[in-house]
Amino acid sequence: MKRVFFLLMGAGLLAACASSAPKPVGINATPEAVTKAIAKADKTCKTDADCVAVKKGCCPCAGYAAVNTQAAEKVNKVWAQECKIAPCTREMCYVEITPKCEQNICIGEPKPMESYFGK
């Protein structure tokens, strides 16, 4: 009877440890939870300083979105949880944005191509 008890306890402990491990994501993943967090994020602003860029996926080439600086904290927490183990390809991409406030909404203006290259 003791053996069965310890066997069940061990199995329960292993199951608990397995469920807390980060789930792997695919190559260049854009997790649904990150997409939803960005969609729900506050994008209101009064000045450019109220806006910040957040990652739209686990890898830099997924691009960026502009959100309110306070909303970015929540988006970044979701991103950190979903993208703990994220393999990225070594592709070159030009997706950086300059966050700015237009008509009280945070938007992302693509950075000019020449800003990627040193002079």
PDB file of N, CA and C in Angstrom:
ATOM      1  N   MET A   1       0.821  -1.181   0.000  1.00  0.00           N
ATOM      2  CA  MET A   1       0.000   0.000   0.000  1.00  0.00           C
ATOM      3  C   MET A   1       0.879   1.264   0.000  1.00  0.00           C
ATOM      4  N   LYS A   2       1.980   1.213   0.784  1.00  0.00           N
ATOM      5  CA  LYS A   2       2.888   2.362   0.814  1.00  0.00           C
ATOM      6  C   LYS A   2       3.492   2.617  -0.552  1.00  0.00           C
ATOM      7  N   ARG A   3       3.842   1.536  -1.264  1.00  0.00           N
ATOM      8  CA  ARG A   3       4.435   1.683  -2.585  1.00  0.00           C
ATOM      9  C   ARG A   3       3.466   2.401  -3.542  1.00  0.00           C
ATOM     10  N   VAL A   4       2.230   2.009  -3.493  1.00  0.00           N
ATOM     11  CA  VAL A   4       1.228   2.625  -4.367  1.00  0.00           C
ATOM     12  C   VAL A   4       1.097   4.111  -4.028  1.00  0.00           C
ATOM     13  N   PHE A   5       1.074   4.418  -2.729  1.00  0.00           N
ATOM     14  CA  PHE A   5       0.947   5.808  -2.288  1.00  0.00           C
ATOM     15  C   PHE A   5       2.115   6.644  -2.810  1.00  0.00           C
ATOM     16  N   PHE A   6       3.352   6.177  -2.615  1.00  0.00           N
ATOM     17  CA  PHE A   6       4.529   6.916  -3.061  1.00  0.00           C
ATOM     18  C   PHE A   6       4.609   6.990  -4.592  1.00  0.00           C
ATOM     19  N   LEU A   7       4.154   5.946  -5.261  1.00  0.00           N
ATOM     20  CA  LEU A   7       4.125   5.952  -6.716  1.00  0.00           C
ATOM     21  C   LEU A   7       3.165   7.033  -7.228  1.00  0.00           C
ATOM     22  N   LEU A   8       2.006   7.131  -6.617  1.00  0.00           N
ATOM     23  CA  LEU A   8       1.028   8.152  -6.996  1.00  0.00           C
ATOM     24  C   LEU A   8       1.534   9.555  -6.666  1.00  0.00           C
ATOM     25  N   MET A   9       2.169   9.699  -5.524  1.00  0.00           N
ATOM     26  CA  MET A   9       2.723  11.003  -5.148  1.00  0.00           C
ATOM     27  C   MET A   9       3.813  11.425  -6.134  1.00  0.00           C
ATOM     28  N   GLY A  10       4.667  10.505  -6.505  1.00  0.00           N
ATOM     29  CA  GLY A  10       5.733  10.803  -7.467  1.00  0.00           C
ATOM     30  C   GLY A  10       5.172  11.192  -8.829  1.00  0.00           C
ATOM     31  N   ALA A  11       4.145  10.475  -9.263  1.00  0.00           N
ATOM     32  CA  ALA A  11       3.521  10.795 -10.550  1.00  0.00           C
ATOM     33  C   ALA A  11       2.882  12.178 -10.509  1.00  0.00           C
ATOM     34  N   GLY A  12       2.245  12.514  -9.403  1.00  0.00           N
ATOM     35  CA  GLY A  12       1.635  13.837  -9.250  1.00  0.00           C
ATOM     36  C   GLY A  12       2.676  14.939  -9.264  1.00  0.00           C
ATOM     37  N   LEU A  13       3.796  14.701  -8.601  1.00  0.00           N
ATOM     38  CA  LEU A  13       4.876  15.684  -8.571  1.00  0.00           C
ATOM     39  C   LEU A  13       5.459  15.901  -9.973  1.00  0.00           C
ATOM     40  N   LEU A  14       5.665  14.833 -10.705  1.00  0.00           N
ATOM     41  CA  LEU A  14       6.176  14.953 -12.071  1.00  0.00           C
ATOM     42  C   LEU A  14       5.200  15.707 -12.968  1.00  0.00           C
ATOM     43  N   ALA A  15       3.926  15.442 -12.819  1.00  0.00           N
ATOM     44  CA  ALA A  15       2.912  16.134 -13.628  1.00  0.00           C
ATOM     45  C   ALA A  15       2.892  17.624 -13.302  1.00  0.00           C
ATOM     46  N   ALA A  16       3.043  17.967 -12.036  1.00  0.00           N
ATOM     47  CA  ALA A  16       3.051  19.381 -11.633  1.00  0.00           C
ATOM     48  C   ALA A  16       4.266  20.097 -12.199  1.00  0.00           C
ATOM     49  N   CYS A  17       5.405  19.443 -12.182  1.00  0.00           N
ATOM     50  CA  CYS A  17       6.622  20.053 -12.730  1.00  0.00           C
ATOM     51  C   CYS A  17       6.524  20.220 -14.234  1.00  0.00           C
ATOM     52  N   ALA A  18       5.954  19.246 -14.904  1.00  0.00           N
ATOM     53  CA  ALA A  18       5.841  19.314 -16.358  1.00  0.00           C
ATOM     54  C   ALA A  18       4.916  20.439 -16.795  1.00  0.00           C
ATOM     55  N   SER A  19       3.850  20.682 -16.054  1.00  0.00           N
ATOM     56  CA  SER A  19       2.896  21.711 -16.462  1.00  0.00           C
ATOM     57  C   SER A  19       3.430  23.117 -16.236  1.00  0.00           C
ATOM     58  N   SER A  20       4.411  23.301 -15.347  1.00  0.00           N
ATOM     59  CA  SER A  20       4.944  24.629 -15.099  1.00  0.00           C
ATOM     60  C   SER A  20       6.095  24.980 -16.036  1.00  0.00           C
ATOM     61  N   ALA A  21       6.563  24.004 -16.803  1.00  0.00           N
ATOM     62  CA  ALA A  21       7.650  24.267 -17.743  1.00  0.00           C
ATOM     63  C   ALA A  21       7.114  25.112 -18.899  1.00  0.00           C
ATOM     64  N   PRO A  22       7.942  26.021 -19.420  1.00  0.00           N
ATOM     65  CA  PRO A  22       7.471  26.841 -20.542  1.00  0.00           C
ATOM     66  C   PRO A  22       7.181  25.970 -21.757  1.00  0.00           C
ATOM     67  N   LYS A  23       6.066  26.257 -22.413  1.00  0.00           N
ATOM     68  CA  LYS A  23       5.737  25.479 -23.603  1.00  0.00           C
ATOM     69  C   LYS A  23       6.541  26.014 -24.784  1.00  0.00           C
ATOM     70  N   PRO A  24       7.082  25.130 -25.589  1.00  0.00           N
ATOM     71  CA  PRO A  24       7.888  25.585 -26.716  1.00  0.00           C
ATOM     72  C   PRO A  24       7.013  26.250 -27.778  1.00  0.00           C
ATOM     73  N   VAL A  25       7.570  27.216 -28.473  1.00  0.00           N
ATOM     74  CA  VAL A  25       6.868  27.870 -29.566  1.00  0.00           C
ATOM     75  C   VAL A  25       7.615  27.578 -30.852  1.00  0.00           C
ATOM     76  N   GLY A  26       6.953  27.732 -31.967  1.00  0.00           N
ATOM     77  CA  GLY A  26       7.561  27.443 -33.254  1.00  0.00           C
ATOM     78  C   GLY A  26       8.600  28.483 -33.646  1.00  0.00           C
ATOM     79  N   ILE A  27       9.300  28.199 -34.715  1.00  0.00           N
ATOM     80  CA  ILE A  27      10.312  29.123 -35.233  1.00  0.00           C
ATOM     81  C   ILE A  27       9.620  30.406 -35.679  1.00  0.00           C
ATOM     82  N   ASN A  28      10.164  31.549 -35.269  1.00  0.00           N
ATOM     83  CA  ASN A  28       9.634  32.866 -35.611  1.00  0.00           C
ATOM     84  C   ASN A  28       8.165  33.023 -35.208  1.00  0.00           C
ATOM     85  N   ALA A  29       7.821  32.509 -34.050  1.00  0.00           N
ATOM     86  CA  ALA A  29       6.431  32.474 -33.601  1.00  0.00           C
ATOM     87  C   ALA A  29       5.852  33.852 -33.301  1.00  0.00           C
ATOM     88  N   THR A  30       4.557  33.958 -33.540  1.00  0.00           N
ATOM     89  CA  THR A  30       3.761  35.114 -33.148  1.00  0.00           C
ATOM     90  C   THR A  30       2.604  34.546 -32.328  1.00  0.00           C
ATOM     91  N   PRO A  31       2.825  34.348 -31.010  1.00  0.00           N
ATOM     92  CA  PRO A  31       1.807  33.717 -30.178  1.00  0.00           C
ATOM     93  C   PRO A  31       0.496  34.515 -30.148  1.00  0.00           C
ATOM     94  N   GLU A  32      -0.599  33.780 -30.136  1.00  0.00           N
ATOM     95  CA  GLU A  32      -1.931  34.390 -30.105  1.00  0.00           C
ATOM     96  C   GLU A  32      -2.105  35.278 -28.874  1.00  0.00           C
ATOM     97  N   ALA A  33      -1.532  34.870 -27.744  1.00  0.00           N
ATOM     98  CA  ALA A  33      -1.660  35.668 -26.513  1.00  0.00           C
ATOM     99  C   ALA A  33      -1.004  37.043 -26.670  1.00  0.00           C
ATOM    100  N   VAL A  34       0.105  37.114 -27.394  1.00  0.00           N
ATOM    101  CA  VAL A  34       0.779  38.396 -27.630  1.00  0.00           C
ATOM    102  C   VAL A  34      -0.082  39.261 -28.546  1.00  0.00           C
ATOM    103  N   THR A  35      -0.608  38.660 -29.610  1.00  0.00           N
ATOM    104  CA  THR A  35      -1.476  39.388 -30.544  1.00  0.00           C
ATOM    105  C   THR A  35      -2.692  39.955 -29.815  1.00  0.00           C
ATOM    106  N   LYS A  36      -3.306  39.144 -28.941  1.00  0.00           N
ATOM    107  CA  LYS A  36      -4.482  39.597 -28.177  1.00  0.00           C
ATOM    108  C   LYS A  36      -4.111  40.710 -27.198  1.00  0.00           C
ATOM    109  N   ALA A  37      -2.956  40.585 -26.547  1.00  0.00           N
ATOM    110  CA  ALA A  37      -2.534  41.610 -25.584  1.00  0.00           C
ATOM    111  C   ALA A  37      -2.324  42.953 -26.282  1.00  0.00           C
ATOM    112  N   ILE A  38      -1.758  42.928 -27.489  1.00  0.00           N
ATOM    113  CA  ILE A  38      -1.552  44.167 -28.249  1.00  0.00           C
ATOM    114  C   ILE A  38      -2.898  44.744 -28.680  1.00  0.00           C
ATOM    115  N   ALA A  39      -3.810  43.880 -29.123  1.00  0.00           N
ATOM    116  CA  ALA A  39      -5.125  44.349 -29.571  1.00  0.00           C
ATOM    117  C   ALA A  39      -5.894  45.017 -28.428  1.00  0.00           C
ATOM    118  N   LYS A  40      -5.742  44.495 -27.213  1.00  0.00           N
ATOM    119  CA  LYS A  40      -6.441  45.042 -26.042  1.00  0.00           C
ATOM    120  C   LYS A  40      -5.718  46.239 -25.420  1.00  0.00           C
ATOM    121  N   ALA A  41      -4.461  46.442 -25.766  1.00  0.00           N
ATOM    122  CA  ALA A  41      -3.641  47.475 -25.123  1.00  0.00           C
ATOM    123  C   ALA A  41      -4.172  48.883 -25.396  1.00  0.00           C
ATOM    124  N   ASP A  42      -4.031  49.729 -24.392  1.00  0.00           N
ATOM    125  CA  ASP A  42      -4.396  51.140 -24.519  1.00  0.00           C
ATOM    126  C   ASP A  42      -3.437  51.803 -25.496  1.00  0.00           C
ATOM    127  N   LYS A  43      -3.987  52.512 -26.450  1.00  0.00           N
ATOM    128  CA  LYS A  43      -3.155  53.198 -27.449  1.00  0.00           C
ATOM    129  C   LYS A  43      -3.390  54.707 -27.423  1.00  0.00           C
ATOM    130  N   THR A  44      -4.041  55.188 -26.358  1.00  0.00           N
ATOM    131  CA  THR A  44      -4.310  56.626 -26.283  1.00  0.00           C
ATOM    132  C   THR A  44      -3.057  57.380 -25.860  1.00  0.00           C
ATOM    133  N   CYS A  45      -2.974  58.643 -26.293  1.00  0.00           N
ATOM    134  CA  CYS A  45      -1.802  59.450 -25.981  1.00  0.00           C
ATOM    135  C   CYS A  45      -2.131  60.927 -26.120  1.00  0.00           C
ATOM    136  N   LYS A  46      -1.243  61.735 -25.567  1.00  0.00           N
ATOM    137  CA  LYS A  46      -1.319  63.187 -25.740  1.00  0.00           C
ATOM    138  C   LYS A  46      -0.060  63.708 -26.424  1.00  0.00           C
ATOM    139  N   THR A  47       1.066  63.020 -26.180  1.00  0.00           N
ATOM    140  CA  THR A  47       2.338  63.401 -26.796  1.00  0.00           C
ATOM    141  C   THR A  47       3.060  62.151 -27.289  1.00  0.00           C
ATOM    142  N   ASP A  48       4.076  62.340 -28.100  1.00  0.00           N
ATOM    143  CA  ASP A  48       4.881  61.211 -28.584  1.00  0.00           C
ATOM    144  C   ASP A  48       5.486  60.418 -27.427  1.00  0.00           C
ATOM    145  N   ALA A  49       5.810  61.089 -26.338  1.00  0.00           N
ATOM    146  CA  ALA A  49       6.427  60.433 -25.180  1.00  0.00           C
ATOM    147  C   ALA A  49       5.483  59.426 -24.518  1.00  0.00           C
ATOM    148  N   ASP A  50       4.193  59.504 -24.798  1.00  0.00           N
ATOM    149  CA  ASP A  50       3.212  58.575 -24.224  1.00  0.00           C
ATOM    150  C   ASP A  50       3.208  57.232 -24.953  1.00  0.00           C
ATOM    151  N   CYS A  51       3.935  57.124 -26.045  1.00  0.00           N
ATOM    152  CA  CYS A  51       3.902  55.929 -26.890  1.00  0.00           C
ATOM    153  C   CYS A  51       5.249  55.211 -26.890  1.00  0.00           C
ATOM    154  N   VAL A  52       5.176  53.891 -27.039  1.00  0.00           N
ATOM    155  CA  VAL A  52       6.386  53.064 -27.073  1.00  0.00           C
ATOM    156  C   VAL A  52       6.134  51.883 -28.010  1.00  0.00           C
ATOM    157  N   ALA A  53       7.205  51.332 -28.574  1.00  0.00           N
ATOM    158  CA  ALA A  53       7.104  50.173 -29.467  1.00  0.00           C
ATOM    159  C   ALA A  53       7.200  48.886 -28.654  1.00  0.00           C
ATOM    160  N   VAL A  54       6.333  47.917 -28.963  1.00  0.00           N
ATOM    161  CA  VAL A  54       6.384  46.585 -28.360  1.00  0.00           C
ATOM    162  C   VAL A  54       6.514  45.556 -29.483  1.00  0.00           C
ATOM    163  N   LYS A  55       7.113  44.421 -29.167  1.00  0.00           N
ATOM    164  CA  LYS A  55       7.308  43.366 -30.162  1.00  0.00           C
ATOM    165  C   LYS A  55       5.988  42.665 -30.457  1.00  0.00           C
ATOM    166  N   LYS A  56       5.715  42.401 -31.745  1.00  0.00           N
ATOM    167  CA  LYS A  56       4.484  41.725 -32.152  1.00  0.00           C
ATOM    168  C   LYS A  56       4.632  40.209 -32.159  1.00  0.00           C
ATOM    169  N   GLY A  57       5.853  39.712 -32.053  1.00  0.00           N
ATOM    170  CA  GLY A  57       6.108  38.278 -32.050  1.00  0.00           C
ATOM    171  C   GLY A  57       7.375  37.999 -31.267  1.00  0.00           C
ATOM    172  N   CYS A  58       7.744  36.738 -31.209  1.00  0.00           N
ATOM    173  CA  CYS A  58       8.904  36.347 -30.412  1.00  0.00           C
ATOM    174  C   CYS A  58      10.229  36.821 -31.004  1.00  0.00           C
ATOM    175  N   CYS A  59      10.276  37.023 -32.299  1.00  0.00           N
ATOM    176  CA  CYS A  59      11.515  37.408 -32.961  1.00  0.00           C
ATOM    177  C   CYS A  59      11.400  38.821 -33.533  1.00  0.00           C
ATOM    178  N   PRO A  60      12.515  39.517 -33.656  1.00  0.00           N
ATOM    179  CA  PRO A  60      12.484  40.900 -34.133  1.00  0.00           C
ATOM    180  C   PRO A  60      11.802  41.087 -35.485  1.00  0.00           C
ATOM    181  N   CYS A  61      11.909  40.114 -36.389  1.00  0.00           N
ATOM    182  CA  CYS A  61      11.326  40.273 -37.724  1.00  0.00           C
ATOM    183  C   CYS A  61       9.798  40.199 -37.718  1.00  0.00           C
ATOM    184  N   ALA A  62       9.186  39.885 -36.599  1.00  0.00           N
ATOM    185  CA  ALA A  62       7.716  39.888 -36.513  1.00  0.00           C
ATOM    186  C   ALA A  62       7.183  41.314 -36.551  1.00  0.00           C
ATOM    187  N   GLY A  63       8.042  42.269 -36.257  1.00  0.00           N
ATOM    188  CA  GLY A  63       7.639  43.664 -36.293  1.00  0.00           C
ATOM    189  C   GLY A  63       7.302  44.206 -34.926  1.00  0.00           C
ATOM    190  N   TYR A  64       6.834  45.450 -34.925  1.00  0.00           N
ATOM    191  CA  TYR A  64       6.530  46.151 -33.692  1.00  0.00           C
ATOM    192  C   TYR A  64       5.187  46.859 -33.819  1.00  0.00           C
ATOM    193  N   ALA A  65       4.576  47.126 -32.682  1.00  0.00           N
ATOM    194  CA  ALA A  65       3.334  47.894 -32.629  1.00  0.00           C
ATOM    195  C   ALA A  65       3.526  49.018 -31.623  1.00  0.00           C
ATOM    196  N   ALA A  66       2.824  50.121 -31.821  1.00  0.00           N
ATOM    197  CA  ALA A  66       2.907  51.252 -30.901  1.00  0.00           C
ATOM    198  C   ALA A  66       1.734  51.203 -29.933  1.00  0.00           C
ATOM    199  N   VAL A  67       2.037  51.291 -28.627  1.00  0.00           N
ATOM    200  CA  VAL A  67       1.013  51.306 -27.581  1.00  0.00           C
ATOM    201  C   VAL A  67       1.389  52.359 -26.541  1.00  0.00           C
ATOM    202  N   ASN A  68       0.449  52.646 -25.658  1.00  0.00           N
ATOM    203  CA  ASN A  68       0.695  53.563 -24.549  1.00  0.00           C
ATOM    204  C   ASN A  68       1.780  52.970 -23.649  1.00  0.00           C
ATOM    205  N   THR A  69       2.645  53.818 -23.100  1.00  0.00           N
ATOM    206  CA  THR A  69       3.770  53.333 -22.285  1.00  0.00           C
ATOM    207  C   THR A  69       3.318  52.493 -21.098  1.00  0.00           C
ATOM    208  N   GLN A  70       2.200  52.850 -20.476  1.00  0.00           N
ATOM    209  CA  GLN A  70       1.716  52.063 -19.338  1.00  0.00           C
ATOM    210  C   GLN A  70       1.163  50.714 -19.792  1.00  0.00           C
ATOM    211  N   ALA A  71       0.521  50.670 -20.945  1.00  0.00           N
ATOM    212  CA  ALA A  71      -0.002  49.414 -21.479  1.00  0.00           C
ATOM    213  C   ALA A  71       1.130  48.481 -21.894  1.00  0.00           C
ATOM    214  N   ALA A  72       2.277  49.046 -22.253  1.00  0.00           N
ATOM    215  CA  ALA A  72       3.418  48.242 -22.708  1.00  0.00           C
ATOM    216  C   ALA A  72       3.881  47.266 -21.629  1.00  0.00           C
ATOM    217  N   GLU A  73       3.771  47.645 -20.367  1.00  0.00           N
ATOM    218  CA  GLU A  73       4.199  46.752 -19.284  1.00  0.00           C
ATOM    219  C   GLU A  73       3.449  45.430 -19.348  1.00  0.00           C
ATOM    220  N   LYS A  74       2.134  45.489 -19.538  1.00  0.00           N
ATOM    221  CA  LYS A  74       1.329  44.270 -19.595  1.00  0.00           C
ATOM    222  C   LYS A  74       1.655  43.461 -20.849  1.00  0.00           C
ATOM    223  N   VAL A  75       1.780  44.134 -21.984  1.00  0.00           N
ATOM    224  CA  VAL A  75       2.120  43.445 -23.237  1.00  0.00           C
ATOM    225  C   VAL A  75       3.478  42.761 -23.093  1.00  0.00           C
ATOM    226  N   ASN A  76       4.448  43.446 -22.522  1.00  0.00           N
ATOM    227  CA  ASN A  76       5.786  42.874 -22.369  1.00  0.00           C
ATOM    228  C   ASN A  76       5.805  41.683 -21.414  1.00  0.00           C
ATOM    229  N   LYS A  77       4.935  41.684 -20.411  1.00  0.00           N
ATOM    230  CA  LYS A  77       4.840  40.518 -19.511  1.00  0.00           C
ATOM    231  C   LYS A  77       4.304  39.310 -20.264  1.00  0.00           C
ATOM    232  N   VAL A  78       3.271  39.529 -21.079  1.00  0.00           N
ATOM    233  CA  VAL A  78       2.715  38.438 -21.887  1.00  0.00           C
ATOM    234  C   VAL A  78       3.783  37.943 -22.856  1.00  0.00           C
ATOM    235  N   TRP A  79       4.491  38.871 -23.510  1.00  0.00           N
ATOM    236  CA  TRP A  79       5.546  38.509 -24.451  1.00  0.00           C
ATOM    237  C   TRP A  79       6.616  37.664 -23.757  1.00  0.00           C
ATOM    238  N   ALA A  80       7.047  38.095 -22.581  1.00  0.00           N
ATOM    239  CA  ALA A  80       8.100  37.374 -21.858  1.00  0.00           C
ATOM    240  C   ALA A  80       7.656  35.956 -21.500  1.00  0.00           C
ATOM    241  N   GLN A  81       6.399  35.794 -21.134  1.00  0.00           N
ATOM    242  CA  GLN A  81       5.876  34.471 -20.779  1.00  0.00           C
ATOM    243  C   GLN A  81       5.765  33.572 -22.018  1.00  0.00           C
ATOM    244  N   GLU A  82       5.234  34.106 -23.089  1.00  0.00           N
ATOM    245  CA  GLU A  82       4.990  33.316 -24.297  1.00  0.00           C
ATOM    246  C   GLU A  82       6.253  33.034 -25.101  1.00  0.00           C
ATOM    247  N   CYS A  83       7.243  33.881 -24.988  1.00  0.00           N
ATOM    248  CA  CYS A  83       8.436  33.767 -25.842  1.00  0.00           C
ATOM    249  C   CYS A  83       9.686  33.375 -25.065  1.00  0.00           C
ATOM    250  N   LYS A  84       9.517  32.672 -23.943  1.00  0.00           N
ATOM    251  CA  LYS A  84      10.676  32.255 -23.144  1.00  0.00           C
ATOM    252  C   LYS A  84      11.656  31.432 -23.961  1.00  0.00           C
ATOM    253  N   ILE A  85      11.118  30.490 -24.709  1.00  0.00           N
ATOM    254  CA  ILE A  85      11.960  29.595 -25.510  1.00  0.00           C
ATOM    255  C   ILE A  85      11.515  29.762 -26.954  1.00  0.00           C
ATOM    256  N   ALA A  86      12.098  30.723 -27.653  1.00  0.00           N
ATOM    257  CA  ALA A  86      11.667  31.009 -29.015  1.00  0.00           C
ATOM    258  C   ALA A  86      12.837  30.981 -29.987  1.00  0.00           C
ATOM    259  N   PRO A  87      12.874  29.993 -30.865  1.00  0.00           N
ATOM    260  CA  PRO A  87      13.938  29.967 -31.869  1.00  0.00           C
ATOM    261  C   PRO A  87      13.644  30.975 -32.979  1.00  0.00           C
ATOM    262  N   CYS A  88      14.658  31.732 -33.354  1.00  0.00           N
ATOM    263  CA  CYS A  88      14.511  32.734 -34.413  1.00  0.00           C
ATOM    264  C   CYS A  88      15.510  32.439 -35.524  1.00  0.00           C
ATOM    265  N   THR A  89      15.092  32.663 -36.744  1.00  0.00           N
ATOM    266  CA  THR A  89      16.024  32.523 -37.857  1.00  0.00           C
ATOM    267  C   THR A  89      16.890  33.774 -37.893  1.00  0.00           C
ATOM    268  N   ARG A  90      17.973  33.716 -38.607  1.00  0.00           N
ATOM    269  CA  ARG A  90      18.885  34.864 -38.686  1.00  0.00           C
ATOM    270  C   ARG A  90      18.610  35.671 -39.949  1.00  0.00           C
ATOM    271  N   GLU A  91      17.358  35.962 -40.167  1.00  0.00           N
ATOM    272  CA  GLU A  91      17.016  36.731 -41.361  1.00  0.00           C
ATOM    273  C   GLU A  91      17.172  38.222 -41.099  1.00  0.00           C
ATOM    274  N   MET A  92      17.439  38.959 -42.134  1.00  0.00           N
ATOM    275  CA  MET A  92      17.537  40.417 -42.025  1.00  0.00           C
ATOM    276  C   MET A  92      16.155  40.982 -42.280  1.00  0.00           C
ATOM    277  N   CYS A  93      15.756  41.935 -41.484  1.00  0.00           N
ATOM    278  CA  CYS A  93      14.445  42.534 -41.691  1.00  0.00           C
ATOM    279  C   CYS A  93      14.494  44.012 -41.318  1.00  0.00           C
ATOM    280  N   TYR A  94      13.603  44.753 -41.912  1.00  0.00           N
ATOM    281  CA  TYR A  94      13.533  46.193 -41.692  1.00  0.00           C
ATOM    282  C   TYR A  94      12.134  46.512 -41.161  1.00  0.00           C
ATOM    283  N   VAL A  95      11.933  46.284 -39.867  1.00  0.00           N
ATOM    284  CA  VAL A  95      10.594  46.393 -39.302  1.00  0.00           C
ATOM    285  C   VAL A  95      10.506  47.368 -38.124  1.00  0.00           C
ATOM    286  N   GLU A  96      11.593  48.045 -37.813  1.00  0.00           N
ATOM    287  CA  GLU A  96      11.572  48.951 -36.667  1.00  0.00           C
ATOM    288  C   GLU A  96      10.657  50.141 -36.947  1.00  0.00           C
ATOM    289  N   ILE A  97      10.065  50.659 -35.869  1.00  0.00           N
ATOM    290  CA  ILE A  97       9.167  51.800 -35.988  1.00  0.00           C
ATOM    291  C   ILE A  97       9.587  52.905 -35.029  1.00  0.00           C
ATOM    292  N   THR A  98       9.132  54.093 -35.330  1.00  0.00           N
ATOM    293  CA  THR A  98       9.262  55.213 -34.411  1.00  0.00           C
ATOM    294  C   THR A  98       7.861  55.473 -33.866  1.00  0.00           C
ATOM    295  N   PRO A  99       7.632  55.186 -32.569  1.00  0.00           N
ATOM    296  CA  PRO A  99       6.302  55.416 -32.013  1.00  0.00           C
ATOM    297  C   PRO A  99       6.021  56.916 -31.909  1.00  0.00           C
ATOM    298  N   LYS A 100       4.819  57.308 -32.276  1.00  0.00           N
ATOM    299  CA  LYS A 100       4.440  58.704 -32.163  1.00  0.00           C
ATOM    300  C   LYS A 100       2.949  58.810 -31.915  1.00  0.00           C
ATOM    301  N   CYS A 101       2.532  59.977 -31.479  1.00  0.00           N
ATOM    302  CA  CYS A 101       1.132  60.233 -31.149  1.00  0.00           C
ATOM    303  C   CYS A 101       0.507  61.081 -32.254  1.00  0.00           C
ATOM    304  N   GLU A 102      -0.527  60.541 -32.894  1.00  0.00           N
ATOM    305  CA  GLU A 102      -1.258  61.292 -33.918  1.00  0.00           C
ATOM    306  C   GLU A 102      -2.738  61.222 -33.593  1.00  0.00           C
ATOM    307  N   GLN A 103      -3.364  62.365 -33.456  1.00  0.00           N
ATOM    308  CA  GLN A 103      -4.788  62.475 -33.136  1.00  0.00           C
ATOM    309  C   GLN A 103      -5.145  61.645 -31.899  1.00  0.00           C
ATOM    310  N   ASN A 104      -4.253  61.721 -30.885  1.00  0.00           N
ATOM    311  CA  ASN A 104      -4.422  61.062 -29.579  1.00  0.00           C
ATOM    312  C   ASN A 104      -4.402  59.531 -29.643  1.00  0.00           C
ATOM    313  N   ILE A 105      -3.774  58.970 -30.679  1.00  0.00           N
ATOM    314  CA  ILE A 105      -3.622  57.524 -30.816  1.00  0.00           C
ATOM    315  C   ILE A 105      -2.159  57.228 -31.113  1.00  0.00           C
ATOM    316  N   CYS A 106      -1.594  56.229 -30.411  1.00  0.00           N
ATOM    317  CA  CYS A 106      -0.217  55.813 -30.673  1.00  0.00           C
ATOM    318  C   CYS A 106      -0.172  55.069 -32.012  1.00  0.00           C
ATOM    319  N   ILE A 107       0.743  55.494 -32.860  1.00  0.00           N
ATOM    320  CA  ILE A 107       0.968  54.812 -34.133  1.00  0.00           C
ATOM    321  C   ILE A 107       2.458  54.550 -34.272  1.00  0.00           C
ATOM    322  N   GLY A 108       2.803  53.676 -35.173  1.00  0.00           N
ATOM    323  CA  GLY A 108       4.207  53.395 -35.443  1.00  0.00           C
ATOM    324  C   GLY A 108       4.548  53.797 -36.858  1.00  0.00           C
ATOM    325  N   GLU A 109       5.477  54.693 -36.990  1.00  0.00           N
ATOM    326  CA  GLU A 109       5.926  55.118 -38.313  1.00  0.00           C
ATOM    327  C   GLU A 109       7.181  54.324 -38.658  1.00  0.00           C
ATOM    328  N   PRO A 110       7.191  53.632 -39.810  1.00  0.00           N
ATOM    329  CA  PRO A 110       8.391  52.854 -40.171  1.00  0.00           C
ATOM    330  C   PRO A 110       9.633  53.739 -40.215  1.00  0.00           C
ATOM    331  N   LYS A 111      10.730  53.209 -39.670  1.00  0.00           N
ATOM    332  CA  LYS A 111      11.983  53.960 -39.727  1.00  0.00           C
ATOM    333  C   LYS A 111      12.477  53.990 -41.167  1.00  0.00           C
ATOM    334  N   PRO A 112      13.090  55.101 -41.577  1.00  0.00           N
ATOM    335  CA  PRO A 112      13.605  55.173 -42.948  1.00  0.00           C
ATOM    336  C   PRO A 112      14.726  54.147 -43.155  1.00  0.00           C
ATOM    337  N   MET A 113      14.784  53.619 -44.360  1.00  0.00           N
ATOM    338  CA  MET A 113      15.758  52.566 -44.691  1.00  0.00           C
ATOM    339  C   MET A 113      17.181  53.009 -44.367  1.00  0.00           C
ATOM    340  N   GLU A 114      17.525  54.278 -44.617  1.00  0.00           N
ATOM    341  CA  GLU A 114      18.904  54.726 -44.372  1.00  0.00           C
ATOM    342  C   GLU A 114      19.279  54.706 -42.893  1.00  0.00           C
ATOM    343  N   SER A 115      18.286  54.662 -41.995  1.00  0.00           N
ATOM    344  CA  SER A 115      18.602  54.626 -40.567  1.00  0.00           C
ATOM    345  C   SER A 115      19.184  53.276 -40.133  1.00  0.00           C
ATOM    346  N   TYR A 116      19.053  52.256 -40.968  1.00  0.00           N
ATOM    347  CA  TYR A 116      19.585  50.933 -40.641  1.00  0.00           C
ATOM    348  C   TYR A 116      21.074  50.808 -40.951  1.00  0.00           C
ATOM    349  N   PHE A 117      21.587  51.719 -41.733  1.00  0.00           N
ATOM    350  CA  PHE A 117      22.970  51.619 -42.169  1.00  0.00           C
ATOM    351  C   PHE A 117      23.787  52.775 -41.605  1.00  0.00           C
ATOM    352  N   GLY A 118      24.976  52.478 -41.105  1.00  0.00           N
ATOM    353  CA  GLY A 118      25.865  53.501 -40.585  1.00  0.00           C
ATOM    354  C   GLY A 118      26.436  54.355 -41.712  1.00  0.00           C
ATOM    355  N   LYS A 119      26.805  55.562 -41.372  1.00  0.00           N
ATOM    356  CA  LYS A 119      27.355  56.441 -42.401  1.00  0.00           C
ATOM    357  C   LYS A 119      28.864  56.446 -42.354  1.00  0.00           C
TER     358      LYS A 119
END
